[in-house]
Amino acid sequence: QAVNVFYKLVHALIALIALVGCRRERR
C-alpha cells in the first residue's frame, strides 16, 4: 500500500510539473 501511495505522489508531482512548465515544454 505504501508503494501504491508513492505512485500517486509521483503522479501528482508529474502533473504539477506539467502544469507549471507548460509553456516551457510547448517551446
mmCIF file of all heavy atoms, coordinates in Angstrom:
data_MODEL
# 
_entry.id   MODEL 
# 
loop_
_atom_site.group_PDB 
_atom_site.id 
_atom_site.type_symbol 
_atom_site.label_atom_id 
_atom_site.label_alt_id 
_atom_site.label_comp_id 
_atom_site.label_asym_id 
_atom_site.label_entity_id 
_atom_site.label_seq_id 
_atom_site.pdbx_PDB_ins_code 
_atom_site.Cartn_x 
_atom_site.Cartn_y 
_atom_site.Cartn_z 
_atom_site.occupancy 
_atom_site.B_iso_or_equiv 
_atom_site.pdbx_formal_charge 
_atom_site.auth_seq_id 
_atom_site.auth_comp_id 
_atom_site.auth_asym_id 
_atom_site.auth_atom_id 
_atom_site.pdbx_PDB_model_num 
ATOM 1   N N   . GLN A 1 1  ? 0.824  -1.206 0.000   1.00 0.00 ? 1  GLN A N   1 
ATOM 2   C CA  . GLN A 1 1  ? 0.000  0.000  0.000   1.00 0.00 ? 1  GLN A CA  1 
ATOM 3   C C   . GLN A 1 1  ? 0.859  1.258  0.000   1.00 0.00 ? 1  GLN A C   1 
ATOM 4   O O   . GLN A 1 1  ? 0.526  2.251  -0.645  1.00 0.00 ? 1  GLN A O   1 
ATOM 5   C CB  . GLN A 1 1  ? -0.923 -0.008 1.215   1.00 0.00 ? 1  GLN A CB  1 
ATOM 6   C CG  . GLN A 1 1  ? -1.957 -1.118 1.201   1.00 0.00 ? 1  GLN A CG  1 
ATOM 7   C CD  . GLN A 1 1  ? -2.812 -1.138 2.449   1.00 0.00 ? 1  GLN A CD  1 
ATOM 8   O OE1 . GLN A 1 1  ? -2.704 -0.246 3.281   1.00 0.00 ? 1  GLN A OE1 1 
ATOM 9   N NE2 . GLN A 1 1  ? -3.643 -2.158 2.587   1.00 0.00 ? 1  GLN A NE2 1 
ATOM 10  N N   . ALA A 1 2  ? 1.984  1.214  0.711   1.00 0.00 ? 2  ALA A N   1 
ATOM 11  C CA  . ALA A 1 2  ? 2.876  2.376  0.732   1.00 0.00 ? 2  ALA A CA  1 
ATOM 12  C C   . ALA A 1 2  ? 3.463  2.643  -0.643  1.00 0.00 ? 2  ALA A C   1 
ATOM 13  O O   . ALA A 1 2  ? 3.584  3.801  -1.067  1.00 0.00 ? 2  ALA A O   1 
ATOM 14  C CB  . ALA A 1 2  ? 3.999  2.144  1.744   1.00 0.00 ? 2  ALA A CB  1 
ATOM 15  N N   . VAL A 1 3  ? 3.822  1.583  -1.372  1.00 0.00 ? 3  VAL A N   1 
ATOM 16  C CA  . VAL A 1 3  ? 4.334  1.754  -2.736  1.00 0.00 ? 3  VAL A CA  1 
ATOM 17  C C   . VAL A 1 3  ? 3.253  2.351  -3.632  1.00 0.00 ? 3  VAL A C   1 
ATOM 18  O O   . VAL A 1 3  ? 3.513  3.234  -4.457  1.00 0.00 ? 3  VAL A O   1 
ATOM 19  C CB  . VAL A 1 3  ? 4.837  0.406  -3.295  1.00 0.00 ? 3  VAL A CB  1 
ATOM 20  C CG1 . VAL A 1 3  ? 5.182  0.534  -4.774  1.00 0.00 ? 3  VAL A CG1 1 
ATOM 21  C CG2 . VAL A 1 3  ? 6.059  -0.066 -2.522  1.00 0.00 ? 3  VAL A CG2 1 
ATOM 22  N N   . ASN A 1 4  ? 2.010  1.902  -3.471  1.00 0.00 ? 4  ASN A N   1 
ATOM 23  C CA  . ASN A 1 4  ? 0.917  2.445  -4.273  1.00 0.00 ? 4  ASN A CA  1 
ATOM 24  C C   . ASN A 1 4  ? 0.699  3.934  -3.990  1.00 0.00 ? 4  ASN A C   1 
ATOM 25  O O   . ASN A 1 4  ? 0.430  4.722  -4.900  1.00 0.00 ? 4  ASN A O   1 
ATOM 26  C CB  . ASN A 1 4  ? -0.375 1.675  -3.989  1.00 0.00 ? 4  ASN A CB  1 
ATOM 27  C CG  . ASN A 1 4  ? -0.295 0.235  -4.462  1.00 0.00 ? 4  ASN A CG  1 
ATOM 28  O OD1 . ASN A 1 4  ? 0.568  -0.119 -5.258  1.00 0.00 ? 4  ASN A OD1 1 
ATOM 29  N ND2 . ASN A 1 4  ? -1.182 -0.606 -3.955  1.00 0.00 ? 4  ASN A ND2 1 
ATOM 30  N N   . VAL A 1 5  ? 0.810  4.319  -2.719  1.00 0.00 ? 5  VAL A N   1 
ATOM 31  C CA  . VAL A 1 5  ? 0.678  5.738  -2.369  1.00 0.00 ? 5  VAL A CA  1 
ATOM 32  C C   . VAL A 1 5  ? 1.824  6.544  -2.965  1.00 0.00 ? 5  VAL A C   1 
ATOM 33  O O   . VAL A 1 5  ? 1.632  7.687  -3.413  1.00 0.00 ? 5  VAL A O   1 
ATOM 34  C CB  . VAL A 1 5  ? 0.630  5.899  -0.833  1.00 0.00 ? 5  VAL A CB  1 
ATOM 35  C CG1 . VAL A 1 5  ? 0.705  7.372  -0.442  1.00 0.00 ? 5  VAL A CG1 1 
ATOM 36  C CG2 . VAL A 1 5  ? -0.649 5.296  -0.285  1.00 0.00 ? 5  VAL A CG2 1 
ATOM 37  N N   . PHE A 1 6  ? 3.017  5.956  -2.990  1.00 0.00 ? 6  PHE A N   1 
ATOM 38  C CA  . PHE A 1 6  ? 4.156  6.650  -3.590  1.00 0.00 ? 6  PHE A CA  1 
ATOM 39  C C   . PHE A 1 6  ? 3.930  6.864  -5.081  1.00 0.00 ? 6  PHE A C   1 
ATOM 40  O O   . PHE A 1 6  ? 4.323  7.888  -5.645  1.00 0.00 ? 6  PHE A O   1 
ATOM 41  C CB  . PHE A 1 6  ? 5.429  5.844  -3.348  1.00 0.00 ? 6  PHE A CB  1 
ATOM 42  C CG  . PHE A 1 6  ? 6.693  6.619  -3.637  1.00 0.00 ? 6  PHE A CG  1 
ATOM 43  C CD1 . PHE A 1 6  ? 6.765  7.984  -3.399  1.00 0.00 ? 6  PHE A CD1 1 
ATOM 44  C CD2 . PHE A 1 6  ? 7.817  5.989  -4.143  1.00 0.00 ? 6  PHE A CD2 1 
ATOM 45  C CE1 . PHE A 1 6  ? 7.917  8.699  -3.658  1.00 0.00 ? 6  PHE A CE1 1 
ATOM 46  C CE2 . PHE A 1 6  ? 8.974  6.688  -4.418  1.00 0.00 ? 6  PHE A CE2 1 
ATOM 47  C CZ  . PHE A 1 6  ? 9.026  8.045  -4.169  1.00 0.00 ? 6  PHE A CZ  1 
ATOM 48  N N   . TYR A 1 7  ? 3.286  5.912  -5.743  1.00 0.00 ? 7  TYR A N   1 
ATOM 49  C CA  . TYR A 1 7  ? 2.927  6.106  -7.154  1.00 0.00 ? 7  TYR A CA  1 
ATOM 50  C C   . TYR A 1 7  ? 1.995  7.298  -7.316  1.00 0.00 ? 7  TYR A C   1 
ATOM 51  O O   . TYR A 1 7  ? 2.142  8.095  -8.252  1.00 0.00 ? 7  TYR A O   1 
ATOM 52  C CB  . TYR A 1 7  ? 2.263  4.845  -7.707  1.00 0.00 ? 7  TYR A CB  1 
ATOM 53  C CG  . TYR A 1 7  ? 3.225  3.884  -8.347  1.00 0.00 ? 7  TYR A CG  1 
ATOM 54  C CD1 . TYR A 1 7  ? 3.681  2.776  -7.665  1.00 0.00 ? 7  TYR A CD1 1 
ATOM 55  C CD2 . TYR A 1 7  ? 3.693  4.088  -9.640  1.00 0.00 ? 7  TYR A CD2 1 
ATOM 56  C CE1 . TYR A 1 7  ? 4.570  1.893  -8.240  1.00 0.00 ? 7  TYR A CE1 1 
ATOM 57  C CE2 . TYR A 1 7  ? 4.577  3.216  -10.228 1.00 0.00 ? 7  TYR A CE2 1 
ATOM 58  C CZ  . TYR A 1 7  ? 5.014  2.117  -9.515  1.00 0.00 ? 7  TYR A CZ  1 
ATOM 59  O OH  . TYR A 1 7  ? 5.904  1.255  -10.092 1.00 0.00 ? 7  TYR A OH  1 
ATOM 60  N N   . LYS A 1 8  ? 1.038  7.430  -6.427  1.00 0.00 ? 8  LYS A N   1 
ATOM 61  C CA  . LYS A 1 8  ? 0.118  8.567  -6.516  1.00 0.00 ? 8  LYS A CA  1 
ATOM 62  C C   . LYS A 1 8  ? 0.858  9.879  -6.276  1.00 0.00 ? 8  LYS A C   1 
ATOM 63  O O   . LYS A 1 8  ? 0.563  10.899 -6.910  1.00 0.00 ? 8  LYS A O   1 
ATOM 64  C CB  . LYS A 1 8  ? -1.018 8.389  -5.504  1.00 0.00 ? 8  LYS A CB  1 
ATOM 65  C CG  . LYS A 1 8  ? -1.872 7.153  -5.756  1.00 0.00 ? 8  LYS A CG  1 
ATOM 66  C CD  . LYS A 1 8  ? -2.999 7.044  -4.738  1.00 0.00 ? 8  LYS A CD  1 
ATOM 67  C CE  . LYS A 1 8  ? -3.739 5.724  -4.895  1.00 0.00 ? 8  LYS A CE  1 
ATOM 68  N NZ  . LYS A 1 8  ? -4.369 5.595  -6.223  1.00 0.00 ? 8  LYS A NZ  1 
ATOM 69  N N   . LEU A 1 9  ? 1.830  9.853  -5.353  1.00 0.00 ? 9  LEU A N   1 
ATOM 70  C CA  . LEU A 1 9  ? 2.621  11.048 -5.085  1.00 0.00 ? 9  LEU A CA  1 
ATOM 71  C C   . LEU A 1 9  ? 3.436  11.443 -6.308  1.00 0.00 ? 9  LEU A C   1 
ATOM 72  O O   . LEU A 1 9  ? 3.477  12.625 -6.692  1.00 0.00 ? 9  LEU A O   1 
ATOM 73  C CB  . LEU A 1 9  ? 3.537  10.808 -3.889  1.00 0.00 ? 9  LEU A CB  1 
ATOM 74  C CG  . LEU A 1 9  ? 4.531  11.924 -3.555  1.00 0.00 ? 9  LEU A CG  1 
ATOM 75  C CD1 . LEU A 1 9  ? 3.793  13.212 -3.197  1.00 0.00 ? 9  LEU A CD1 1 
ATOM 76  C CD2 . LEU A 1 9  ? 5.453  11.497 -2.424  1.00 0.00 ? 9  LEU A CD2 1 
ATOM 77  N N   . VAL A 1 10 ? 4.077  10.473 -6.946  1.00 0.00 ? 10 VAL A N   1 
ATOM 78  C CA  . VAL A 1 10 ? 4.859  10.760 -8.150  1.00 0.00 ? 10 VAL A CA  1 
ATOM 79  C C   . VAL A 1 10 ? 3.956  11.263 -9.273  1.00 0.00 ? 10 VAL A C   1 
ATOM 80  O O   . VAL A 1 10 ? 4.303  12.198 -10.000 1.00 0.00 ? 10 VAL A O   1 
ATOM 81  C CB  . VAL A 1 10 ? 5.642  9.509  -8.586  1.00 0.00 ? 10 VAL A CB  1 
ATOM 82  C CG1 . VAL A 1 10 ? 6.352  9.753  -9.911  1.00 0.00 ? 10 VAL A CG1 1 
ATOM 83  C CG2 . VAL A 1 10 ? 6.658  9.119  -7.523  1.00 0.00 ? 10 VAL A CG2 1 
ATOM 84  N N   . HIS A 1 11 ? 2.782  10.663 -9.400  1.00 0.00 ? 11 HIS A N   1 
ATOM 85  C CA  . HIS A 1 11 ? 1.831  11.113 -10.423 1.00 0.00 ? 11 HIS A CA  1 
ATOM 86  C C   . HIS A 1 11 ? 1.421  12.564 -10.188 1.00 0.00 ? 11 HIS A C   1 
ATOM 87  O O   . HIS A 1 11 ? 1.341  13.369 -11.130 1.00 0.00 ? 11 HIS A O   1 
ATOM 88  C CB  . HIS A 1 11 ? 0.601  10.199 -10.413 1.00 0.00 ? 11 HIS A CB  1 
ATOM 89  C CG  . HIS A 1 11 ? -0.344 10.459 -11.534 1.00 0.00 ? 11 HIS A CG  1 
ATOM 90  N ND1 . HIS A 1 11 ? -1.610 9.923  -11.590 1.00 0.00 ? 11 HIS A ND1 1 
ATOM 91  C CD2 . HIS A 1 11 ? -0.215 11.210 -12.662 1.00 0.00 ? 11 HIS A CD2 1 
ATOM 92  C CE1 . HIS A 1 11 ? -2.211 10.326 -12.681 1.00 0.00 ? 11 HIS A CE1 1 
ATOM 93  N NE2 . HIS A 1 11 ? -1.396 11.116 -13.351 1.00 0.00 ? 11 HIS A NE2 1 
ATOM 94  N N   . ALA A 1 12 ? 1.175  12.914 -8.935  1.00 0.00 ? 12 ALA A N   1 
ATOM 95  C CA  . ALA A 1 12 ? 0.807  14.295 -8.616  1.00 0.00 ? 12 ALA A CA  1 
ATOM 96  C C   . ALA A 1 12 ? 1.949  15.253 -8.929  1.00 0.00 ? 12 ALA A C   1 
ATOM 97  O O   . ALA A 1 12 ? 1.718  16.364 -9.453  1.00 0.00 ? 12 ALA A O   1 
ATOM 98  C CB  . ALA A 1 12 ? 0.412  14.399 -7.140  1.00 0.00 ? 12 ALA A CB  1 
ATOM 99  N N   . LEU A 1 13 ? 3.181  14.857 -8.639  1.00 0.00 ? 13 LEU A N   1 
ATOM 100 C CA  . LEU A 1 13 ? 4.330  15.715 -8.943  1.00 0.00 ? 13 LEU A CA  1 
ATOM 101 C C   . LEU A 1 13 ? 4.509  15.886 -10.446 1.00 0.00 ? 13 LEU A C   1 
ATOM 102 O O   . LEU A 1 13 ? 4.828  16.986 -10.921 1.00 0.00 ? 13 LEU A O   1 
ATOM 103 C CB  . LEU A 1 13 ? 5.595  15.113 -8.314  1.00 0.00 ? 13 LEU A CB  1 
ATOM 104 C CG  . LEU A 1 13 ? 5.672  15.164 -6.785  1.00 0.00 ? 13 LEU A CG  1 
ATOM 105 C CD1 . LEU A 1 13 ? 6.919  14.452 -6.293  1.00 0.00 ? 13 LEU A CD1 1 
ATOM 106 C CD2 . LEU A 1 13 ? 5.654  16.603 -6.281  1.00 0.00 ? 13 LEU A CD2 1 
ATOM 107 N N   . ILE A 1 14 ? 4.317  14.818 -11.222 1.00 0.00 ? 14 ILE A N   1 
ATOM 108 C CA  . ILE A 1 14 ? 4.436  14.926 -12.674 1.00 0.00 ? 14 ILE A CA  1 
ATOM 109 C C   . ILE A 1 14 ? 3.365  15.855 -13.226 1.00 0.00 ? 14 ILE A C   1 
ATOM 110 O O   . ILE A 1 14 ? 3.631  16.691 -14.106 1.00 0.00 ? 14 ILE A O   1 
ATOM 111 C CB  . ILE A 1 14 ? 4.335  13.531 -13.319 1.00 0.00 ? 14 ILE A CB  1 
ATOM 112 C CG1 . ILE A 1 14 ? 5.554  12.689 -12.947 1.00 0.00 ? 14 ILE A CG1 1 
ATOM 113 C CG2 . ILE A 1 14 ? 4.242  13.645 -14.834 1.00 0.00 ? 14 ILE A CG2 1 
ATOM 114 C CD1 . ILE A 1 14 ? 5.489  11.267 -13.457 1.00 0.00 ? 14 ILE A CD1 1 
ATOM 115 N N   . ALA A 1 15 ? 2.139  15.727 -12.725 1.00 0.00 ? 15 ALA A N   1 
ATOM 116 C CA  . ALA A 1 15 ? 1.064  16.616 -13.171 1.00 0.00 ? 15 ALA A CA  1 
ATOM 117 C C   . ALA A 1 15 ? 1.356  18.068 -12.796 1.00 0.00 ? 15 ALA A C   1 
ATOM 118 O O   . ALA A 1 15 ? 1.073  18.994 -13.569 1.00 0.00 ? 15 ALA A O   1 
ATOM 119 C CB  . ALA A 1 15 ? -0.265 16.163 -12.568 1.00 0.00 ? 15 ALA A CB  1 
ATOM 120 N N   . LEU A 1 16 ? 1.937  18.273 -11.621 1.00 0.00 ? 16 LEU A N   1 
ATOM 121 C CA  . LEU A 1 16 ? 2.294  19.628 -11.207 1.00 0.00 ? 16 LEU A CA  1 
ATOM 122 C C   . LEU A 1 16 ? 3.398  20.203 -12.092 1.00 0.00 ? 16 LEU A C   1 
ATOM 123 O O   . LEU A 1 16 ? 3.352  21.384 -12.480 1.00 0.00 ? 16 LEU A O   1 
ATOM 124 C CB  . LEU A 1 16 ? 2.740  19.617 -9.739  1.00 0.00 ? 16 LEU A CB  1 
ATOM 125 C CG  . LEU A 1 16 ? 3.133  20.968 -9.139  1.00 0.00 ? 16 LEU A CG  1 
ATOM 126 C CD1 . LEU A 1 16 ? 1.944  21.930 -9.160  1.00 0.00 ? 16 LEU A CD1 1 
ATOM 127 C CD2 . LEU A 1 16 ? 3.653  20.796 -7.713  1.00 0.00 ? 16 LEU A CD2 1 
ATOM 128 N N   . ILE A 1 17 ? 4.392  19.370 -12.436 1.00 0.00 ? 17 ILE A N   1 
ATOM 129 C CA  . ILE A 1 17 ? 5.460  19.822 -13.344 1.00 0.00 ? 17 ILE A CA  1 
ATOM 130 C C   . ILE A 1 17 ? 4.890  20.174 -14.706 1.00 0.00 ? 17 ILE A C   1 
ATOM 131 O O   . ILE A 1 17 ? 5.280  21.169 -15.331 1.00 0.00 ? 17 ILE A O   1 
ATOM 132 C CB  . ILE A 1 17 ? 6.539  18.732 -13.458 1.00 0.00 ? 17 ILE A CB  1 
ATOM 133 C CG1 . ILE A 1 17 ? 7.285  18.572 -12.130 1.00 0.00 ? 17 ILE A CG1 1 
ATOM 134 C CG2 . ILE A 1 17 ? 7.532  19.058 -14.571 1.00 0.00 ? 17 ILE A CG2 1 
ATOM 135 C CD1 . ILE A 1 17 ? 8.252  17.409 -12.110 1.00 0.00 ? 17 ILE A CD1 1 
ATOM 136 N N   . ALA A 1 18 ? 3.948  19.349 -15.186 1.00 0.00 ? 18 ALA A N   1 
ATOM 137 C CA  . ALA A 1 18 ? 3.312  19.630 -16.477 1.00 0.00 ? 18 ALA A CA  1 
ATOM 138 C C   . ALA A 1 18 ? 2.521  20.931 -16.439 1.00 0.00 ? 18 ALA A C   1 
ATOM 139 O O   . ALA A 1 18 ? 2.479  21.686 -17.412 1.00 0.00 ? 18 ALA A O   1 
ATOM 140 C CB  . ALA A 1 18 ? 2.406  18.471 -16.873 1.00 0.00 ? 18 ALA A CB  1 
ATOM 141 N N   . LEU A 1 19 ? 1.898  21.216 -15.303 1.00 0.00 ? 19 LEU A N   1 
ATOM 142 C CA  . LEU A 1 19 ? 1.105  22.433 -15.182 1.00 0.00 ? 19 LEU A CA  1 
ATOM 143 C C   . LEU A 1 19 ? 1.987  23.672 -15.089 1.00 0.00 ? 19 LEU A C   1 
ATOM 144 O O   . LEU A 1 19 ? 1.727  24.686 -15.747 1.00 0.00 ? 19 LEU A O   1 
ATOM 145 C CB  . LEU A 1 19 ? 0.211  22.330 -13.937 1.00 0.00 ? 19 LEU A CB  1 
ATOM 146 C CG  . LEU A 1 19 ? -0.736 23.491 -13.672 1.00 0.00 ? 19 LEU A CG  1 
ATOM 147 C CD1 . LEU A 1 19 ? -1.757 23.625 -14.795 1.00 0.00 ? 19 LEU A CD1 1 
ATOM 148 C CD2 . LEU A 1 19 ? -1.452 23.299 -12.332 1.00 0.00 ? 19 LEU A CD2 1 
ATOM 149 N N   . VAL A 1 20 ? 3.049  23.604 -14.275 1.00 0.00 ? 20 VAL A N   1 
ATOM 150 C CA  . VAL A 1 20 ? 3.925  24.756 -14.092 1.00 0.00 ? 20 VAL A CA  1 
ATOM 151 C C   . VAL A 1 20 ? 4.795  24.997 -15.321 1.00 0.00 ? 20 VAL A C   1 
ATOM 152 O O   . VAL A 1 20 ? 5.006  26.141 -15.739 1.00 0.00 ? 20 VAL A O   1 
ATOM 153 C CB  . VAL A 1 20 ? 4.792  24.552 -12.828 1.00 0.00 ? 20 VAL A CB  1 
ATOM 154 C CG1 . VAL A 1 20 ? 5.806  25.674 -12.686 1.00 0.00 ? 20 VAL A CG1 1 
ATOM 155 C CG2 . VAL A 1 20 ? 3.918  24.467 -11.588 1.00 0.00 ? 20 VAL A CG2 1 
ATOM 156 N N   . GLY A 1 21 ? 5.313  23.906 -15.901 1.00 0.00 ? 21 GLY A N   1 
ATOM 157 C CA  . GLY A 1 21 ? 6.217  24.040 -17.052 1.00 0.00 ? 21 GLY A CA  1 
ATOM 158 C C   . GLY A 1 21 ? 5.543  23.886 -18.390 1.00 0.00 ? 21 GLY A C   1 
ATOM 159 O O   . GLY A 1 21 ? 6.179  23.428 -19.346 1.00 0.00 ? 21 GLY A O   1 
ATOM 160 N N   . CYS A 1 22 ? 4.270  24.263 -18.469 1.00 0.00 ? 22 CYS A N   1 
ATOM 161 C CA  . CYS A 1 22 ? 3.512  24.077 -19.718 1.00 0.00 ? 22 CYS A CA  1 
ATOM 162 C C   . CYS A 1 22 ? 4.120  24.883 -20.865 1.00 0.00 ? 22 CYS A C   1 
ATOM 163 O O   . CYS A 1 22 ? 4.335  24.364 -21.964 1.00 0.00 ? 22 CYS A O   1 
ATOM 164 C CB  . CYS A 1 22 ? 2.056  24.455 -19.486 1.00 0.00 ? 22 CYS A CB  1 
ATOM 165 S SG  . CYS A 1 22 ? 0.995  24.209 -20.920 1.00 0.00 ? 22 CYS A SG  1 
ATOM 166 N N   . ARG A 1 23 ? 4.402  26.148 -20.632 1.00 0.00 ? 23 ARG A N   1 
ATOM 167 C CA  . ARG A 1 23 ? 4.955  26.992 -21.703 1.00 0.00 ? 23 ARG A CA  1 
ATOM 168 C C   . ARG A 1 23 ? 6.343  26.531 -22.115 1.00 0.00 ? 23 ARG A C   1 
ATOM 169 O O   . ARG A 1 23 ? 6.682  26.524 -23.304 1.00 0.00 ? 23 ARG A O   1 
ATOM 170 C CB  . ARG A 1 23 ? 5.004  28.438 -21.236 1.00 0.00 ? 23 ARG A CB  1 
ATOM 171 C CG  . ARG A 1 23 ? 3.634  29.077 -21.032 1.00 0.00 ? 23 ARG A CG  1 
ATOM 172 C CD  . ARG A 1 23 ? 3.774  30.540 -20.642 1.00 0.00 ? 23 ARG A CD  1 
ATOM 173 N NE  . ARG A 1 23 ? 2.467  31.174 -20.470 1.00 0.00 ? 23 ARG A NE  1 
ATOM 174 C CZ  . ARG A 1 23 ? 2.305  32.450 -20.121 1.00 0.00 ? 23 ARG A CZ  1 
ATOM 175 N NH1 . ARG A 1 23 ? 3.378  33.218 -19.906 1.00 0.00 ? 23 ARG A NH1 1 
ATOM 176 N NH2 . ARG A 1 23 ? 1.092  32.948 -19.996 1.00 0.00 ? 23 ARG A NH2 1 
ATOM 177 N N   . ARG A 1 24 ? 7.132  26.134 -21.138 1.00 0.00 ? 24 ARG A N   1 
ATOM 178 C CA  . ARG A 1 24 ? 8.493  25.683 -21.447 1.00 0.00 ? 24 ARG A CA  1 
ATOM 179 C C   . ARG A 1 24 ? 8.479  24.407 -22.277 1.00 0.00 ? 24 ARG A C   1 
ATOM 180 O O   . ARG A 1 24 ? 9.241  24.269 -23.235 1.00 0.00 ? 24 ARG A O   1 
ATOM 181 C CB  . ARG A 1 24 ? 9.244  25.445 -20.140 1.00 0.00 ? 24 ARG A CB  1 
ATOM 182 C CG  . ARG A 1 24 ? 10.713 25.120 -20.330 1.00 0.00 ? 24 ARG A CG  1 
ATOM 183 C CD  . ARG A 1 24 ? 11.394 25.017 -18.989 1.00 0.00 ? 24 ARG A CD  1 
ATOM 184 N NE  . ARG A 1 24 ? 12.805 24.714 -19.124 1.00 0.00 ? 24 ARG A NE  1 
ATOM 185 C CZ  . ARG A 1 24 ? 13.634 24.530 -18.114 1.00 0.00 ? 24 ARG A CZ  1 
ATOM 186 N NH1 . ARG A 1 24 ? 13.166 24.623 -16.876 1.00 0.00 ? 24 ARG A NH1 1 
ATOM 187 N NH2 . ARG A 1 24 ? 14.891 24.249 -18.323 1.00 0.00 ? 24 ARG A NH2 1 
ATOM 188 N N   . GLU A 1 25 ? 7.603  23.488 -21.937 1.00 0.00 ? 25 GLU A N   1 
ATOM 189 C CA  . GLU A 1 25 ? 7.511  22.254 -22.712 1.00 0.00 ? 25 GLU A CA  1 
ATOM 190 C C   . GLU A 1 25 ? 6.941  22.515 -24.094 1.00 0.00 ? 25 GLU A C   1 
ATOM 191 O O   . GLU A 1 25 ? 7.328  21.874 -25.068 1.00 0.00 ? 25 GLU A O   1 
ATOM 192 C CB  . GLU A 1 25 ? 6.648  21.235 -21.966 1.00 0.00 ? 25 GLU A CB  1 
ATOM 193 C CG  . GLU A 1 25 ? 6.653  19.858 -22.605 1.00 0.00 ? 25 GLU A CG  1 
ATOM 194 C CD  . GLU A 1 25 ? 5.939  18.831 -21.756 1.00 0.00 ? 25 GLU A CD  1 
ATOM 195 O OE1 . GLU A 1 25 ? 5.406  19.207 -20.686 1.00 0.00 ? 25 GLU A OE1 1 
ATOM 196 O OE2 . GLU A 1 25 ? 5.910  17.655 -22.166 1.00 0.00 ? 25 GLU A OE2 1 
ATOM 197 N N   . ARG A 1 26 ? 6.025  23.480 -24.203 1.00 0.00 ? 26 ARG A N   1 
ATOM 198 C CA  . ARG A 1 26 ? 5.481  23.820 -25.511 1.00 0.00 ? 26 ARG A CA  1 
ATOM 199 C C   . ARG A 1 26 ? 6.566  24.379 -26.424 1.00 0.00 ? 26 ARG A C   1 
ATOM 200 O O   . ARG A 1 26 ? 6.651  24.020 -27.600 1.00 0.00 ? 26 ARG A O   1 
ATOM 201 C CB  . ARG A 1 26 ? 4.338  24.832 -25.360 1.00 0.00 ? 26 ARG A CB  1 
ATOM 202 C CG  . ARG A 1 26 ? 3.610  25.113 -26.675 1.00 0.00 ? 26 ARG A CG  1 
ATOM 203 C CD  . ARG A 1 26 ? 2.585  26.214 -26.533 1.00 0.00 ? 26 ARG A CD  1 
ATOM 204 N NE  . ARG A 1 26 ? 1.595  25.876 -25.523 1.00 0.00 ? 26 ARG A NE  1 
ATOM 205 C CZ  . ARG A 1 26 ? 1.399  26.562 -24.404 1.00 0.00 ? 26 ARG A CZ  1 
ATOM 206 N NH1 . ARG A 1 26 ? 2.146  27.634 -24.150 1.00 0.00 ? 26 ARG A NH1 1 
ATOM 207 N NH2 . ARG A 1 26 ? 0.484  26.197 -23.530 1.00 0.00 ? 26 ARG A NH2 1 
ATOM 208 N N   . ARG A 1 27 ? 7.434  25.249 -25.880 1.00 0.00 ? 27 ARG A N   1 
ATOM 209 C CA  . ARG A 1 27 ? 8.546  25.779 -26.677 1.00 0.00 ? 27 ARG A CA  1 
ATOM 210 C C   . ARG A 1 27 ? 9.521  24.673 -27.074 1.00 0.00 ? 27 ARG A C   1 
ATOM 211 O O   . ARG A 1 27 ? 10.062 24.673 -28.191 1.00 0.00 ? 27 ARG A O   1 
ATOM 212 C CB  . ARG A 1 27 ? 9.265  26.869 -25.894 1.00 0.00 ? 27 ARG A CB  1 
ATOM 213 C CG  . ARG A 1 27 ? 8.479  28.148 -25.705 1.00 0.00 ? 27 ARG A CG  1 
ATOM 214 C CD  . ARG A 1 27 ? 9.374  29.281 -25.237 1.00 0.00 ? 27 ARG A CD  1 
ATOM 215 N NE  . ARG A 1 27 ? 10.010 28.969 -23.958 1.00 0.00 ? 27 ARG A NE  1 
ATOM 216 C CZ  . ARG A 1 27 ? 9.508  29.321 -22.775 1.00 0.00 ? 27 ARG A CZ  1 
ATOM 217 N NH1 . ARG A 1 27 ? 8.356  29.984 -22.730 1.00 0.00 ? 27 ARG A NH1 1 
ATOM 218 N NH2 . ARG A 1 27 ? 10.138 29.022 -21.666 1.00 0.00 ? 27 ARG A NH2 1 
# 
